[in-house]
Amino acid sequence: MKLLTIIYVAVFFLASCACLSCASQNDMQEIMDLLNSGRTNEAVAYLSAEVDKEPSNADKHIALGFACLQNNDYAQAQSHLNAGASLKPNSVASYYGLAMLAESRKDTSVAIDNWHNVLTYSSDSNLKNLAEKHIRHAEKHIRHAETSR
């Protein structure tokens, strides 16, 4: 997965998550600085400690999921993003991250499911347009694969 995409996703989540209760405003800025400067191991360590303190906090799992994405730890990213979605079923950020992760793994049907969740739970028209674009592209990919058989 492209680093720029990961950074965009991390910034998207952290900027949109004013309710990230794991951190004060200064701590949130520090996490963003760590992620954007490539010090992802430190961000993951910080957020892992926060998840350990409050394992039922969806936002902490989601933030850790994005940090793991940026750290190329896709298994942990998926685990934490899934936990975030389970704890907060209307979490656009979780589904966005899971959709991007599924696309990077070429798991088209899972990506489509997660993009549909983005459409369902997002109120942002730009994000809905992006999800629709990804769904159309994925469905086109599936049709092409079926006709190539």
Protein backbone atom coordinates (compact mmCIF):
# COMPACT_ATOMS: atom_id res chain seq x y z
CA MET A 1 0.00 0.00 0.00
CA LYS A 2 1.35 3.40 -0.88
CA LEU A 3 2.77 5.39 2.03
CA LEU A 4 0.96 8.52 0.87
CA THR A 5 -2.36 6.68 1.00
CA ILE A 6 -1.60 5.41 4.49
CA ILE A 7 -0.69 8.90 5.67
CA TYR A 8 -3.88 10.28 4.13
CA VAL A 9 -5.93 7.62 5.86
CA ALA A 10 -4.24 8.25 9.20
CA VAL A 11 -4.74 11.99 8.92
CA PHE A 12 -8.34 11.42 7.76
CA PHE A 13 -9.07 9.37 10.83
CA LEU A 14 -7.23 11.39 13.43
CA ALA A 15 -8.53 14.69 12.09
CA SER A 16 -12.11 13.43 11.98
CA CYS A 17 -12.03 11.82 15.39
CA ALA A 18 -12.52 14.64 17.85
CA CYS A 19 -13.88 12.01 20.20
CA LEU A 20 -10.57 10.18 20.48
CA SER A 21 -10.69 10.02 24.23
CA CYS A 22 -7.31 8.38 24.58
CA ALA A 23 -5.46 11.62 24.31
CA SER A 24 -5.45 15.25 25.16
CA GLN A 25 -5.14 17.73 22.31
CA ASN A 26 -1.35 17.79 22.83
CA ASP A 27 -1.18 13.99 22.81
CA MET A 28 -3.22 13.84 19.60
CA GLN A 29 -0.82 16.30 17.99
CA GLU A 30 2.11 14.19 19.17
CA ILE A 31 0.53 11.04 17.68
CA MET A 32 -0.03 12.83 14.35
CA ASP A 33 3.53 14.17 14.40
CA LEU A 34 4.89 10.68 15.08
CA LEU A 35 2.84 9.17 12.25
CA ASN A 36 3.63 11.92 9.76
CA SER A 37 7.35 11.86 10.55
CA GLY A 38 7.59 8.10 10.01
CA ARG A 39 8.05 7.26 13.70
CA THR A 40 5.28 4.74 13.50
CA ASN A 41 6.76 2.30 16.01
CA GLU A 42 6.48 4.99 18.69
CA ALA A 43 2.91 5.82 17.67
CA VAL A 44 1.96 2.13 17.73
CA ALA A 45 3.55 1.70 21.17
CA TYR A 46 1.69 4.72 22.55
CA LEU A 47 -1.65 3.66 21.08
CA SER A 48 -1.15 0.02 22.12
CA ALA A 49 -0.76 1.17 25.72
CA GLU A 50 -3.95 3.21 25.36
CA VAL A 51 -5.86 0.19 24.01
CA ASP A 52 -4.54 -1.91 26.89
CA LYS A 53 -5.85 0.69 29.36
CA GLU A 54 -9.29 0.81 27.74
CA PRO A 55 -9.87 -2.20 25.47
CA SER A 56 -13.56 -1.40 24.92
CA ASN A 57 -12.82 2.02 23.40
CA ALA A 58 -13.51 1.78 19.67
CA ASP A 59 -11.67 4.99 18.80
CA LYS A 60 -8.47 3.74 20.40
CA HIS A 61 -8.65 0.53 18.36
CA ILE A 62 -9.31 2.50 15.20
CA ALA A 63 -6.41 4.88 15.81
CA LEU A 64 -4.13 1.91 16.51
CA GLY A 65 -5.41 0.21 13.37
CA PHE A 66 -4.37 3.19 11.25
CA ALA A 67 -1.00 3.38 12.97
CA CYS A 68 -0.50 -0.33 12.24
CA LEU A 69 -1.48 0.29 8.61
CA GLN A 70 1.16 2.95 8.33
CA ASN A 71 3.62 0.58 10.02
CA ASN A 72 2.84 -2.10 7.37
CA ASP A 73 1.50 -4.45 10.04
CA TYR A 74 -1.61 -5.36 8.09
CA ALA A 75 -2.72 -8.25 10.31
CA GLN A 76 -2.75 -6.04 13.41
CA ALA A 77 -4.34 -3.20 11.43
CA GLN A 78 -7.16 -5.48 10.35
CA SER A 79 -7.59 -6.81 13.87
CA HIS A 80 -7.88 -3.35 15.43
CA LEU A 81 -10.04 -1.90 12.66
CA ASN A 82 -12.39 -4.89 13.00
CA ALA A 83 -12.45 -4.37 16.76
CA GLY A 84 -13.30 -0.72 16.20
CA ALA A 85 -16.12 -1.65 13.83
CA SER A 86 -17.46 -4.23 16.29
CA LEU A 87 -17.41 -1.77 19.17
CA LYS A 88 -18.76 1.11 17.09
CA PRO A 89 -20.78 -0.33 14.19
CA ASN A 90 -21.38 3.08 12.58
CA SER A 91 -17.67 3.94 12.42
CA VAL A 92 -16.95 5.28 8.95
CA ALA A 93 -13.23 5.38 9.71
CA SER A 94 -13.11 1.63 10.49
CA TYR A 95 -14.86 0.69 7.27
CA TYR A 96 -12.75 3.10 5.24
CA GLY A 97 -9.55 1.56 6.59
CA LEU A 98 -10.85 -1.98 6.13
CA ALA A 99 -11.89 -1.20 2.56
CA MET A 100 -8.46 0.21 1.71
CA LEU A 101 -6.77 -2.77 3.33
CA ALA A 102 -8.98 -5.24 1.44
CA GLU A 103 -8.22 -3.46 -1.83
CA SER A 104 -4.49 -3.67 -1.17
CA ARG A 105 -4.93 -7.43 -0.66
CA LYS A 106 -7.06 -7.68 -3.83
CA ASP A 107 -9.96 -8.98 -1.73
CA THR A 108 -12.57 -7.28 -3.89
CA SER A 109 -15.74 -8.60 -2.27
CA VAL A 110 -14.61 -7.60 1.23
CA ALA A 111 -13.60 -4.18 -0.10
CA ILE A 112 -17.04 -3.72 -1.67
CA ASP A 113 -18.77 -4.70 1.59
CA ASN A 114 -16.72 -2.16 3.53
CA TRP A 115 -17.26 0.58 0.94
CA HIS A 116 -21.01 -0.08 1.23
CA ASN A 117 -20.67 0.45 4.98
CA VAL A 118 -18.92 3.76 4.30
CA LEU A 119 -21.88 4.74 2.12
CA THR A 120 -24.34 3.67 4.79
CA TYR A 121 -22.76 5.49 7.72
CA SER A 122 -21.10 8.54 6.19
CA SER A 123 -22.88 11.85 5.89
CA ASP A 124 -20.03 13.41 3.90
CA SER A 125 -20.89 13.67 0.20
CA ASN A 126 -17.23 13.62 -0.90
CA LEU A 127 -16.59 10.44 1.03
CA LYS A 128 -19.78 8.89 -0.39
CA ASN A 129 -18.61 9.79 -3.91
CA LEU A 130 -15.23 8.21 -3.20
CA ALA A 131 -16.88 5.03 -1.91
CA GLU A 132 -19.13 4.84 -4.97
CA LYS A 133 -16.10 5.24 -7.24
CA HIS A 134 -14.29 2.41 -5.46
CA ILE A 135 -17.37 0.19 -5.65
CA ARG A 136 -17.77 0.81 -9.39
CA HIS A 137 -14.10 0.05 -9.98
CA ALA A 138 -14.26 -3.14 -7.91
CA GLU A 139 -17.44 -4.34 -9.62
CA LYS A 140 -15.85 -3.67 -13.00
CA HIS A 141 -12.84 -5.73 -11.88
CA ILE A 142 -15.14 -8.60 -10.85
CA ARG A 143 -17.03 -8.50 -14.18
CA HIS A 144 -13.75 -8.49 -16.09
CA ALA A 145 -12.47 -11.46 -14.10
CA GLU A 146 -15.70 -13.39 -14.75
CA THR A 147 -15.60 -12.78 -18.51
CA SER A 148 -11.94 -13.76 -18.67
CA ARG A 149 -12.72 -17.29 -17.49
